[in-house]
Structures are given as structure tokens and as C-alpha cells.
Amino acid sequence: MHEQLKYQIEKLIPLTDDEFAFIRSHFIVKNFKKGEFLIQQGEGVAYLYYVVSGLLKLLYNDESAKEHIVSFAMEDWWESDFQAYYTQTKATMSLQCIEDTDVLCISLEDYKKLCEGSQKIERFFLEKSIAGHIASQQRILSFITSNAAERYEQLLKRYPQLVQRVPKSLLASYLGVSRETLSRLSSFCK
């Protein structure tokens, strides 16, 4: 499991064996079954998660209990309720398994120790944060400037493997359309 993390970090930053041993010592392994929650809205957020295998959805339940998909996370992606994690407040979103999922977890305390002890990993996390901000801005702009068909086509281009794994009802929620509309879009965009 840790080798996958090492490979991902080394795509951006070379590491010695000692440097990776230091990084590795700050993570713990957890396994979750399909349907299980890693984070639940209203509770504390203990970890930032690196997905080794599996698929997650970050979701928000509004006051009428309607589920809104904020994002998905699959292999080599990082996910959490970042606001709650970094501010150590209650989660405003939930993180749930769509598939059986194995993750590497890091607490905020260990995250800070790791960044203080390694400029390389601090730079790695900065690069990952920047990429995450860019993706979030692209998603927001997509909702502002694109119709449902265009959003679906963008999703197909950016994350074709995700579209194959996520149930249509969840993709519809993520795109802000009904299941029926998504069915029409998917037959139109083939």
C-alpha cells in the first residue's frame, strides 16, 4: 500500500529510502466496505485520506435531506472535508465508500509534523493543494458557464475511468441533473 504512495510522491519529488520511511511512519492503513462512512456530517474529521484502492463520494445533505455529490475520489486521489480537517471543526460533508476502499490516513497532527520535518513533502502537498483548487474552480466555472450536456462531456474527457465506475444516479447528482436527463445525455454523447 505504501509503495503506491511513494510512487505518487515521486512523480513530483524524488525521495531517498530514509525520506520515504519518515513519510510512511506518519500514515496508518484503514479498510472500509462499500457503503461505510469515513466521515459523517456533524462529526469530527480525524484524517486526510489517500485512496489506495476503491472509490469514494464526498457529499452534502441539505436541510431537506437531499444528497448533493461534491466530488468523487478514486485511486491516487486525496480526499477529506478539508475545512473541518484543517480547522478541527465538525464536518459539513460526509465521505462514503461507493466500493470497498483501502486508504492511507494522516491526522492533522502528523500532517503538520511531516511538513515540518520534510520540505519535500511540504512541497508535494502544496502541489496537490494547488491542483485541487484548480479542479474545484473548473467545476464551479462549469456550473456557471456550461449546460448539462457540456458538463457531462467535460466529465467524460477529464475522468473517463470514473464515469465507468460511478452509478448513473450518483453521476446525475454530481452533474446537477436528473437520472433521466443523464440517460438522455449518455445516449446523445456516445
N, C-alpha and C. Protein backbone atom coordinates (compact mmCIF):
# COMPACT_ATOMS: atom_id res chain seq x y z
N MET A 1 0.82 -1.21 0.00
CA MET A 1 0.00 0.00 0.00
C MET A 1 0.86 1.26 0.00
N HIS A 2 1.86 1.25 0.82
CA HIS A 2 2.71 2.43 0.93
C HIS A 2 3.51 2.68 -0.34
N GLU A 3 3.80 1.62 -1.09
CA GLU A 3 4.57 1.79 -2.33
C GLU A 3 3.81 2.64 -3.34
N GLN A 4 2.48 2.53 -3.34
CA GLN A 4 1.67 3.34 -4.24
C GLN A 4 1.80 4.82 -3.87
N LEU A 5 1.82 5.10 -2.57
CA LEU A 5 2.02 6.48 -2.11
C LEU A 5 3.40 6.98 -2.53
N LYS A 6 4.40 6.14 -2.35
CA LYS A 6 5.76 6.53 -2.74
C LYS A 6 5.82 6.85 -4.22
N TYR A 7 5.20 6.01 -5.03
CA TYR A 7 5.19 6.23 -6.47
C TYR A 7 4.52 7.57 -6.81
N GLN A 8 3.41 7.86 -6.15
CA GLN A 8 2.71 9.12 -6.43
C GLN A 8 3.56 10.32 -6.04
N ILE A 9 4.18 10.28 -4.88
CA ILE A 9 5.03 11.39 -4.44
C ILE A 9 6.20 11.57 -5.41
N GLU A 10 6.79 10.45 -5.81
CA GLU A 10 7.98 10.53 -6.68
C GLU A 10 7.66 10.98 -8.11
N LYS A 11 6.39 11.05 -8.47
CA LYS A 11 6.03 11.66 -9.75
C LYS A 11 6.38 13.15 -9.73
N LEU A 12 6.38 13.73 -8.54
CA LEU A 12 6.66 15.16 -8.37
C LEU A 12 8.01 15.44 -7.74
N ILE A 13 8.41 14.57 -6.79
CA ILE A 13 9.58 14.85 -5.97
C ILE A 13 10.36 13.55 -5.72
N PRO A 14 11.65 13.51 -6.05
CA PRO A 14 12.43 12.30 -5.75
C PRO A 14 12.65 12.16 -4.24
N LEU A 15 12.66 10.90 -3.78
CA LEU A 15 12.84 10.63 -2.36
C LEU A 15 13.93 9.59 -2.15
N THR A 16 14.65 9.74 -1.06
CA THR A 16 15.56 8.67 -0.63
C THR A 16 14.74 7.66 0.17
N ASP A 17 15.31 6.49 0.41
CA ASP A 17 14.61 5.49 1.22
C ASP A 17 14.35 6.01 2.63
N ASP A 18 15.30 6.74 3.20
CA ASP A 18 15.12 7.30 4.55
C ASP A 18 14.00 8.35 4.56
N GLU A 19 13.96 9.17 3.54
CA GLU A 19 12.90 10.19 3.47
C GLU A 19 11.53 9.53 3.38
N PHE A 20 11.43 8.48 2.57
CA PHE A 20 10.13 7.81 2.47
C PHE A 20 9.79 7.07 3.76
N ALA A 21 10.76 6.51 4.42
CA ALA A 21 10.50 5.84 5.70
C ALA A 21 9.92 6.84 6.71
N PHE A 22 10.46 8.07 6.71
CA PHE A 22 9.94 9.12 7.58
C PHE A 22 8.49 9.45 7.20
N ILE A 23 8.22 9.60 5.92
CA ILE A 23 6.86 9.91 5.45
C ILE A 23 5.91 8.78 5.83
N ARG A 24 6.31 7.57 5.51
CA ARG A 24 5.48 6.39 5.76
C ARG A 24 5.08 6.26 7.22
N SER A 25 5.97 6.64 8.11
CA SER A 25 5.72 6.48 9.55
C SER A 25 4.56 7.36 10.05
N HIS A 26 4.13 8.32 9.26
CA HIS A 26 3.05 9.22 9.67
C HIS A 26 1.66 8.79 9.20
N PHE A 27 1.60 7.72 8.42
CA PHE A 27 0.33 7.25 7.87
C PHE A 27 -0.10 5.94 8.52
N ILE A 28 -1.41 5.75 8.62
CA ILE A 28 -1.96 4.47 9.04
C ILE A 28 -2.86 3.93 7.93
N VAL A 29 -3.01 2.61 7.89
CA VAL A 29 -3.82 1.94 6.88
C VAL A 29 -5.21 1.68 7.47
N LYS A 30 -6.23 1.95 6.66
CA LYS A 30 -7.61 1.60 7.05
C LYS A 30 -8.31 1.00 5.84
N ASN A 31 -9.24 0.10 6.14
CA ASN A 31 -10.03 -0.56 5.10
C ASN A 31 -11.50 -0.34 5.41
N PHE A 32 -12.26 -0.04 4.37
CA PHE A 32 -13.69 0.21 4.53
C PHE A 32 -14.47 -0.59 3.50
N LYS A 33 -15.67 -0.97 3.86
CA LYS A 33 -16.56 -1.71 2.97
C LYS A 33 -17.48 -0.72 2.24
N LYS A 34 -17.98 -1.17 1.10
CA LYS A 34 -18.94 -0.39 0.33
C LYS A 34 -20.07 0.06 1.24
N GLY A 35 -20.40 1.35 1.17
CA GLY A 35 -21.48 1.91 1.99
C GLY A 35 -21.03 2.51 3.31
N GLU A 36 -19.84 2.14 3.78
CA GLU A 36 -19.34 2.68 5.05
C GLU A 36 -18.94 4.14 4.90
N PHE A 37 -19.03 4.87 6.01
CA PHE A 37 -18.63 6.27 6.04
C PHE A 37 -17.24 6.41 6.66
N LEU A 38 -16.42 7.22 6.04
CA LEU A 38 -15.12 7.60 6.61
C LEU A 38 -15.31 8.87 7.43
N ILE A 39 -16.21 9.72 6.97
CA ILE A 39 -16.56 10.98 7.63
C ILE A 39 -18.08 11.09 7.60
N GLN A 40 -18.66 11.57 8.71
CA GLN A 40 -20.10 11.83 8.72
C GLN A 40 -20.36 13.28 9.09
N GLN A 41 -21.26 13.87 8.32
CA GLN A 41 -21.65 15.26 8.53
C GLN A 41 -22.01 15.46 10.01
N GLY A 42 -21.48 16.53 10.61
CA GLY A 42 -21.76 16.85 12.00
C GLY A 42 -20.79 16.25 13.00
N GLU A 43 -19.88 15.39 12.54
CA GLU A 43 -18.90 14.78 13.43
C GLU A 43 -17.52 15.36 13.17
N GLY A 44 -16.57 15.05 14.03
CA GLY A 44 -15.19 15.50 13.84
C GLY A 44 -14.53 14.79 12.68
N VAL A 45 -13.51 15.41 12.11
CA VAL A 45 -12.77 14.84 10.99
C VAL A 45 -11.35 14.56 11.45
N ALA A 46 -11.03 13.29 11.57
CA ALA A 46 -9.74 12.89 12.13
C ALA A 46 -8.63 12.82 11.10
N TYR A 47 -8.98 12.56 9.82
CA TYR A 47 -7.93 12.26 8.85
C TYR A 47 -8.12 12.92 7.49
N LEU A 48 -7.00 13.04 6.83
CA LEU A 48 -6.92 13.27 5.40
C LEU A 48 -6.66 11.89 4.80
N TYR A 49 -7.36 11.54 3.73
CA TYR A 49 -7.29 10.19 3.18
C TYR A 49 -6.63 10.18 1.80
N TYR A 50 -5.71 9.22 1.62
CA TYR A 50 -5.14 8.92 0.32
C TYR A 50 -5.74 7.59 -0.12
N VAL A 51 -6.40 7.58 -1.27
CA VAL A 51 -7.09 6.38 -1.73
C VAL A 51 -6.10 5.45 -2.43
N VAL A 52 -5.89 4.30 -1.85
CA VAL A 52 -5.01 3.28 -2.43
C VAL A 52 -5.81 2.45 -3.43
N SER A 53 -7.01 2.04 -3.03
CA SER A 53 -7.89 1.32 -3.94
C SER A 53 -9.32 1.61 -3.52
N GLY A 54 -10.23 1.61 -4.50
CA GLY A 54 -11.63 1.85 -4.20
C GLY A 54 -12.12 3.18 -4.74
N LEU A 55 -13.30 3.54 -4.29
CA LEU A 55 -13.98 4.73 -4.81
C LEU A 55 -14.83 5.34 -3.70
N LEU A 56 -14.72 6.65 -3.54
CA LEU A 56 -15.44 7.40 -2.50
C LEU A 56 -16.27 8.51 -3.12
N LYS A 57 -17.28 8.94 -2.37
CA LYS A 57 -18.03 10.14 -2.74
C LYS A 57 -18.06 11.08 -1.54
N LEU A 58 -17.79 12.36 -1.81
CA LEU A 58 -17.93 13.41 -0.81
C LEU A 58 -19.28 14.03 -1.06
N LEU A 59 -20.13 14.06 -0.05
CA LEU A 59 -21.50 14.51 -0.26
C LEU A 59 -21.96 15.46 0.83
N TYR A 60 -22.94 16.25 0.45
CA TYR A 60 -23.57 17.19 1.37
C TYR A 60 -25.06 16.88 1.38
N ASN A 61 -25.62 16.71 2.58
CA ASN A 61 -27.07 16.54 2.72
C ASN A 61 -27.66 17.86 3.18
N ASP A 62 -28.58 18.41 2.37
CA ASP A 62 -29.18 19.69 2.73
C ASP A 62 -30.28 19.49 3.78
N GLU A 63 -30.94 20.57 4.16
CA GLU A 63 -31.94 20.50 5.23
C GLU A 63 -33.11 19.60 4.90
N SER A 64 -33.40 19.41 3.61
CA SER A 64 -34.49 18.51 3.22
C SER A 64 -33.98 17.08 3.00
N ALA A 65 -32.74 16.81 3.42
CA ALA A 65 -32.09 15.50 3.32
C ALA A 65 -31.77 15.11 1.88
N LYS A 66 -31.76 16.07 0.97
CA LYS A 66 -31.35 15.78 -0.41
C LYS A 66 -29.84 15.69 -0.45
N GLU A 67 -29.35 14.64 -1.13
CA GLU A 67 -27.91 14.40 -1.23
C GLU A 67 -27.34 15.13 -2.45
N HIS A 68 -26.27 15.88 -2.22
CA HIS A 68 -25.56 16.58 -3.29
C HIS A 68 -24.13 16.03 -3.33
N ILE A 69 -23.70 15.52 -4.47
CA ILE A 69 -22.35 14.99 -4.61
C ILE A 69 -21.40 16.15 -4.89
N VAL A 70 -20.45 16.34 -4.02
CA VAL A 70 -19.46 17.42 -4.15
C VAL A 70 -18.29 16.94 -5.02
N SER A 71 -17.84 15.71 -4.76
CA SER A 71 -16.73 15.17 -5.53
C SER A 71 -16.66 13.66 -5.36
N PHE A 72 -15.83 13.06 -6.20
CA PHE A 72 -15.50 11.65 -6.10
C PHE A 72 -14.01 11.54 -5.86
N ALA A 73 -13.58 10.41 -5.33
CA ALA A 73 -12.15 10.16 -5.15
C ALA A 73 -11.88 8.69 -5.42
N MET A 74 -10.92 8.45 -6.32
CA MET A 74 -10.53 7.09 -6.63
C MET A 74 -9.03 6.95 -6.41
N GLU A 75 -8.45 5.86 -6.88
CA GLU A 75 -7.05 5.57 -6.63
C GLU A 75 -6.15 6.77 -6.93
N ASP A 76 -5.22 7.00 -6.02
CA ASP A 76 -4.22 8.08 -6.09
C ASP A 76 -4.78 9.47 -5.84
N TRP A 77 -6.03 9.57 -5.40
CA TRP A 77 -6.63 10.87 -5.08
C TRP A 77 -6.64 11.05 -3.57
N TRP A 78 -6.65 12.29 -3.16
CA TRP A 78 -6.71 12.67 -1.74
C TRP A 78 -8.09 13.25 -1.48
N GLU A 79 -8.67 12.93 -0.31
CA GLU A 79 -10.00 13.47 -0.01
C GLU A 79 -10.20 13.61 1.49
N SER A 80 -11.02 14.58 1.84
CA SER A 80 -11.46 14.83 3.20
C SER A 80 -12.48 15.96 3.15
N ASP A 81 -13.08 16.28 4.26
CA ASP A 81 -13.79 17.54 4.40
C ASP A 81 -12.68 18.48 4.85
N PHE A 82 -12.05 19.13 3.89
CA PHE A 82 -10.82 19.88 4.16
C PHE A 82 -11.01 20.99 5.18
N GLN A 83 -12.12 21.70 5.12
CA GLN A 83 -12.35 22.78 6.09
C GLN A 83 -12.39 22.21 7.50
N ALA A 84 -13.16 21.15 7.69
CA ALA A 84 -13.27 20.56 9.02
C ALA A 84 -11.94 19.95 9.48
N TYR A 85 -11.22 19.34 8.55
CA TYR A 85 -9.92 18.73 8.87
C TYR A 85 -8.93 19.79 9.34
N TYR A 86 -8.76 20.84 8.55
CA TYR A 86 -7.75 21.86 8.87
C TYR A 86 -8.13 22.76 10.03
N THR A 87 -9.42 22.98 10.24
CA THR A 87 -9.86 23.85 11.34
C THR A 87 -10.28 23.05 12.57
N GLN A 88 -10.28 21.70 12.43
CA GLN A 88 -10.69 20.81 13.51
C GLN A 88 -12.07 21.19 14.04
N THR A 89 -13.00 21.39 13.11
CA THR A 89 -14.40 21.65 13.42
C THR A 89 -15.24 20.48 12.94
N LYS A 90 -16.53 20.54 13.16
CA LYS A 90 -17.43 19.47 12.74
C LYS A 90 -17.56 19.45 11.21
N ALA A 91 -17.69 18.26 10.67
CA ALA A 91 -17.82 18.09 9.23
C ALA A 91 -19.12 18.68 8.71
N THR A 92 -19.03 19.36 7.59
CA THR A 92 -20.22 19.85 6.90
C THR A 92 -20.62 18.88 5.79
N MET A 93 -19.73 17.91 5.51
CA MET A 93 -19.98 16.92 4.46
C MET A 93 -19.65 15.54 4.99
N SER A 94 -20.11 14.54 4.26
CA SER A 94 -19.81 13.14 4.59
C SER A 94 -18.96 12.55 3.49
N LEU A 95 -18.16 11.56 3.83
CA LEU A 95 -17.33 10.83 2.88
C LEU A 95 -17.71 9.36 3.00
N GLN A 96 -18.21 8.79 1.89
CA GLN A 96 -18.76 7.44 1.92
C GLN A 96 -18.16 6.60 0.80
N CYS A 97 -18.01 5.30 1.07
CA CYS A 97 -17.48 4.35 0.08
C CYS A 97 -18.55 3.97 -0.94
N ILE A 98 -18.19 4.07 -2.20
CA ILE A 98 -19.02 3.55 -3.29
C ILE A 98 -18.59 2.11 -3.58
N GLU A 99 -17.35 1.81 -3.32
CA GLU A 99 -16.78 0.46 -3.46
C GLU A 99 -16.01 0.16 -2.18
N ASP A 100 -15.66 -1.09 -1.96
CA ASP A 100 -14.72 -1.41 -0.88
C ASP A 100 -13.47 -0.57 -1.13
N THR A 101 -12.94 0.04 -0.08
CA THR A 101 -11.87 1.02 -0.24
C THR A 101 -10.78 0.84 0.80
N ASP A 102 -9.52 0.92 0.33
CA ASP A 102 -8.36 0.92 1.21
C ASP A 102 -7.72 2.30 1.13
N VAL A 103 -7.42 2.86 2.28
CA VAL A 103 -6.85 4.20 2.33
C VAL A 103 -5.65 4.26 3.26
N LEU A 104 -4.80 5.24 3.01
CA LEU A 104 -3.77 5.63 3.96
C LEU A 104 -4.28 6.93 4.59
N CYS A 105 -4.20 7.01 5.90
CA CYS A 105 -4.76 8.15 6.63
C CYS A 105 -3.66 8.90 7.36
N ILE A 106 -3.83 10.21 7.42
CA ILE A 106 -2.89 11.01 8.20
C ILE A 106 -3.69 12.02 9.02
N SER A 107 -3.40 12.05 10.31
CA SER A 107 -4.05 13.01 11.21
C SER A 107 -3.47 14.39 10.96
N LEU A 108 -4.15 15.42 11.40
CA LEU A 108 -3.64 16.77 11.24
C LEU A 108 -2.33 16.96 12.00
N GLU A 109 -2.26 16.39 13.19
CA GLU A 109 -1.02 16.48 13.98
C GLU A 109 0.15 15.86 13.21
N ASP A 110 -0.06 14.66 12.66
CA ASP A 110 1.00 14.01 11.90
C ASP A 110 1.30 14.74 10.59
N TYR A 111 0.26 15.29 9.97
CA TYR A 111 0.45 16.08 8.76
C TYR A 111 1.39 17.26 9.04
N LYS A 112 1.13 17.96 10.13
CA LYS A 112 1.97 19.11 10.49
C LYS A 112 3.40 18.68 10.82
N LYS A 113 3.53 17.58 11.58
CA LYS A 113 4.87 17.07 11.90
C LYS A 113 5.62 16.68 10.63
N LEU A 114 4.92 16.04 9.73
CA LEU A 114 5.52 15.60 8.47
C LEU A 114 5.99 16.81 7.65
N CYS A 115 5.16 17.83 7.54
CA CYS A 115 5.54 19.02 6.77
C CYS A 115 6.68 19.79 7.43
N GLU A 116 6.68 19.83 8.76
CA GLU A 116 7.78 20.49 9.47
C GLU A 116 9.08 19.73 9.32
N GLY A 117 9.00 18.41 9.17
CA GLY A 117 10.19 17.58 9.10
C GLY A 117 10.71 17.33 7.69
N SER A 118 9.94 17.74 6.67
CA SER A 118 10.36 17.47 5.30
C SER A 118 9.86 18.55 4.34
N GLN A 119 10.78 19.34 3.84
CA GLN A 119 10.41 20.36 2.85
C GLN A 119 9.88 19.71 1.58
N LYS A 120 10.39 18.53 1.27
CA LYS A 120 9.93 17.85 0.05
C LYS A 120 8.45 17.50 0.14
N ILE A 121 8.02 16.94 1.26
CA ILE A 121 6.62 16.55 1.38
C ILE A 121 5.73 17.79 1.50
N GLU A 122 6.26 18.83 2.13
CA GLU A 122 5.51 20.08 2.20
C GLU A 122 5.25 20.61 0.78
N ARG A 123 6.27 20.54 -0.06
CA ARG A 123 6.12 20.97 -1.46
C ARG A 123 5.14 20.06 -2.21
N PHE A 124 5.22 18.77 -1.95
CA PHE A 124 4.29 17.82 -2.57
C PHE A 124 2.85 18.18 -2.22
N PHE A 125 2.58 18.39 -0.92
CA PHE A 125 1.21 18.74 -0.50
C PHE A 125 0.78 20.08 -1.08
N LEU A 126 1.69 21.02 -1.22
CA LEU A 126 1.36 22.30 -1.84
C LEU A 126 0.94 22.08 -3.30
N GLU A 127 1.69 21.28 -4.02
CA GLU A 127 1.36 20.99 -5.43
C GLU A 127 0.00 20.30 -5.53
N LYS A 128 -0.27 19.36 -4.64
CA LYS A 128 -1.56 18.68 -4.65
C LYS A 128 -2.70 19.63 -4.30
N SER A 129 -2.46 20.53 -3.35
CA SER A 129 -3.49 21.52 -2.99
C SER A 129 -3.80 22.45 -4.15
N ILE A 130 -2.76 22.89 -4.83
CA ILE A 130 -2.97 23.77 -5.99
C ILE A 130 -3.79 23.04 -7.05
N ALA A 131 -3.44 21.79 -7.34
CA ALA A 131 -4.20 21.01 -8.34
C ALA A 131 -5.66 20.86 -7.91
N GLY A 132 -5.89 20.65 -6.62
CA GLY A 132 -7.25 20.54 -6.11
C GLY A 132 -8.03 21.83 -6.25
N HIS A 133 -7.37 22.96 -5.97
CA HIS A 133 -8.04 24.26 -6.13
C HIS A 133 -8.40 24.51 -7.59
N ILE A 134 -7.49 24.18 -8.49
CA ILE A 134 -7.76 24.36 -9.92
C ILE A 134 -8.96 23.51 -10.33
N ALA A 135 -8.99 22.25 -9.91
CA ALA A 135 -10.11 21.37 -10.25
C ALA A 135 -11.43 21.91 -9.69
N SER A 136 -11.40 22.43 -8.47
CA SER A 136 -12.61 23.00 -7.87
C SER A 136 -13.09 24.22 -8.64
N GLN A 137 -12.15 25.07 -9.03
CA GLN A 137 -12.53 26.26 -9.80
C GLN A 137 -13.10 25.86 -11.16
N GLN A 138 -12.51 24.86 -11.79
CA GLN A 138 -13.04 24.39 -13.07
C GLN A 138 -14.45 23.85 -12.92
N ARG A 139 -14.70 23.13 -11.83
CA ARG A 139 -16.05 22.60 -11.59
C ARG A 139 -17.05 23.73 -11.38
N ILE A 140 -16.68 24.74 -10.60
CA ILE A 140 -17.56 25.88 -10.37
C ILE A 140 -17.84 26.61 -11.68
N LEU A 141 -16.79 26.88 -12.44
CA LEU A 141 -16.98 27.55 -13.73
C LEU A 141 -17.85 26.73 -14.67
N SER A 142 -17.70 25.43 -14.62
CA SER A 142 -18.51 24.55 -15.46
C SER A 142 -19.99 24.73 -15.13
N PHE A 143 -20.32 24.83 -13.85
CA PHE A 143 -21.72 25.03 -13.47
C PHE A 143 -22.22 26.41 -13.87
N ILE A 144 -21.34 27.40 -13.90
CA ILE A 144 -21.75 28.76 -14.25
C ILE A 144 -21.90 28.93 -15.76
N THR A 145 -20.99 28.31 -16.52
CA THR A 145 -20.90 28.61 -17.95
C THR A 145 -21.38 27.50 -18.88
N SER A 146 -21.63 26.30 -18.37
CA SER A 146 -21.94 25.17 -19.25
C SER A 146 -23.31 24.60 -18.97
N ASN A 147 -23.93 24.08 -20.02
CA ASN A 147 -25.20 23.38 -19.82
C ASN A 147 -24.91 21.94 -19.41
N ALA A 148 -25.95 21.18 -19.13
CA ALA A 148 -25.78 19.82 -18.63
C ALA A 148 -25.00 18.94 -19.61
N ALA A 149 -25.28 19.06 -20.89
CA ALA A 149 -24.58 18.24 -21.89
C ALA A 149 -23.09 18.58 -21.91
N GLU A 150 -22.77 19.84 -21.83
CA GLU A 150 -21.36 20.25 -21.83
C GLU A 150 -20.65 19.77 -20.57
N ARG A 151 -21.33 19.84 -19.42
CA ARG A 151 -20.73 19.35 -18.17
C ARG A 151 -20.46 17.85 -18.26
N TYR A 152 -21.38 17.12 -18.84
CA TYR A 152 -21.22 15.68 -19.00
C TYR A 152 -20.03 15.38 -19.92
N GLU A 153 -19.94 16.08 -21.03
CA GLU A 153 -18.82 15.88 -21.96
C GLU A 153 -17.49 16.21 -21.30
N GLN A 154 -17.45 17.27 -20.48
CA GLN A 154 -16.22 17.63 -19.76
C GLN A 154 -15.83 16.51 -18.80
N LEU A 155 -16.81 15.95 -18.11
CA LEU A 155 -16.55 14.85 -17.18
C LEU A 155 -16.01 13.64 -17.93
N LEU A 156 -16.60 13.32 -19.06
CA LEU A 156 -16.13 12.20 -19.88
C LEU A 156 -14.68 12.40 -20.32
N LYS A 157 -14.33 13.63 -20.70
CA LYS A 157 -12.96 13.92 -21.15
C LYS A 157 -11.96 13.86 -20.00
N ARG A 158 -12.31 14.47 -18.89
CA ARG A 158 -11.37 14.56 -17.77
C ARG A 158 -11.21 13.25 -17.01
N TYR A 159 -12.31 12.54 -16.81
CA TYR A 159 -12.29 11.36 -15.94
C TYR A 159 -13.06 10.19 -16.56
N PRO A 160 -12.64 9.71 -17.73
CA PRO A 160 -13.40 8.61 -18.36
C PRO A 160 -13.50 7.36 -17.49
N GLN A 161 -12.44 7.05 -16.75
CA GLN A 161 -12.46 5.86 -15.90
C GLN A 161 -13.45 6.01 -14.74
N LEU A 162 -13.65 7.23 -14.28
CA LEU A 162 -14.59 7.50 -13.19
C LEU A 162 -16.02 7.26 -13.67
N VAL A 163 -16.33 7.72 -14.86
CA VAL A 163 -17.68 7.58 -15.42
C VAL A 163 -18.05 6.10 -15.54
N GLN A 164 -17.07 5.26 -15.81
CA GLN A 164 -17.33 3.82 -15.94
C GLN A 164 -17.65 3.16 -14.60
N ARG A 165 -17.19 3.74 -13.51
CA ARG A 165 -17.30 3.10 -12.19
C ARG A 165 -18.42 3.65 -11.32
N VAL A 166 -18.83 4.89 -11.56
CA VAL A 166 -19.80 5.54 -10.68
C VAL A 166 -21.22 5.24 -11.18
N PRO A 167 -22.12 4.82 -10.28
CA PRO A 167 -23.51 4.60 -10.69
C PRO A 167 -24.12 5.87 -11.30
N LYS A 168 -24.99 5.66 -12.27
CA LYS A 168 -25.59 6.79 -13.01
C LYS A 168 -26.33 7.76 -12.08
N SER A 169 -26.97 7.25 -11.04
CA SER A 169 -27.71 8.14 -10.14
C SER A 169 -26.75 9.10 -9.43
N LEU A 170 -25.54 8.62 -9.09
CA LEU A 170 -24.56 9.48 -8.43
C LEU A 170 -23.95 10.47 -9.42
N LEU A 171 -23.71 10.01 -10.65
CA LEU A 171 -23.21 10.94 -11.68
C LEU A 171 -24.22 12.04 -11.92
N ALA A 172 -25.49 11.69 -11.96
CA ALA A 172 -26.54 12.69 -12.16
C ALA A 172 -26.51 13.74 -11.05
N SER A 173 -26.39 13.29 -9.81
CA SER A 173 -26.32 14.23 -8.68
C SER A 173 -25.10 15.13 -8.81
N TYR A 174 -23.97 14.55 -9.17
CA TYR A 174 -22.73 15.31 -9.33
C TYR A 174 -22.87 16.38 -10.42
N LEU A 175 -23.56 16.04 -11.49
CA LEU A 175 -23.74 16.96 -12.61
C LEU A 175 -24.91 17.93 -12.41
N GLY A 176 -25.71 17.68 -11.37
CA GLY A 176 -26.84 18.57 -11.10
C GLY A 176 -28.00 18.35 -12.05
N VAL A 177 -28.20 17.09 -12.48
CA VAL A 177 -29.30 16.75 -13.38
C VAL A 177 -30.05 15.54 -12.83
N SER A 178 -31.22 15.27 -13.42
CA SER A 178 -31.97 14.09 -13.01
C SER A 178 -31.35 12.85 -13.65
N ARG A 179 -31.70 11.70 -13.13
CA ARG A 179 -31.22 10.42 -13.68
C ARG A 179 -31.68 10.26 -15.13
N GLU A 180 -32.90 10.69 -15.40
CA GLU A 180 -33.45 10.60 -16.75
C GLU A 180 -32.67 11.49 -17.72
N THR A 181 -32.35 12.70 -17.28
CA THR A 181 -31.58 13.61 -18.13
C THR A 181 -30.21 13.01 -18.42
N LEU A 182 -29.58 12.43 -17.41
CA LEU A 182 -28.28 11.81 -17.63
C LEU A 182 -28.38 10.67 -18.64
N SER A 183 -29.43 9.88 -18.56
CA SER A 183 -29.61 8.79 -19.53
C SER A 183 -29.70 9.35 -20.95
N ARG A 184 -30.44 10.45 -21.12
CA ARG A 184 -30.52 11.08 -22.44
C ARG A 184 -29.16 11.60 -22.88
N LEU A 185 -28.43 12.24 -21.95
CA LEU A 185 -27.12 12.78 -22.27
C LEU A 185 -26.14 11.66 -22.66
N SER A 186 -26.17 10.56 -21.90
CA SER A 186 -25.20 9.49 -22.18
C SER A 186 -25.48 8.84 -23.52
N SER A 187 -26.74 8.74 -23.94
CA SER A 187 -27.03 8.17 -25.26
C SER A 187 -26.71 9.18 -26.37
N PHE A 188 -26.84 10.46 -26.08
CA PHE A 188 -26.55 11.52 -27.04
C PHE A 188 -25.05 11.69 -27.24
N CYS A 189 -24.26 11.52 -26.18
CA CYS A 189 -22.82 11.78 -26.23
C CYS A 189 -22.00 10.58 -26.67
N LYS A 190 -22.61 9.47 -27.02
CA LYS A 190 -21.84 8.28 -27.43
C LYS A 190 -21.28 8.42 -28.81
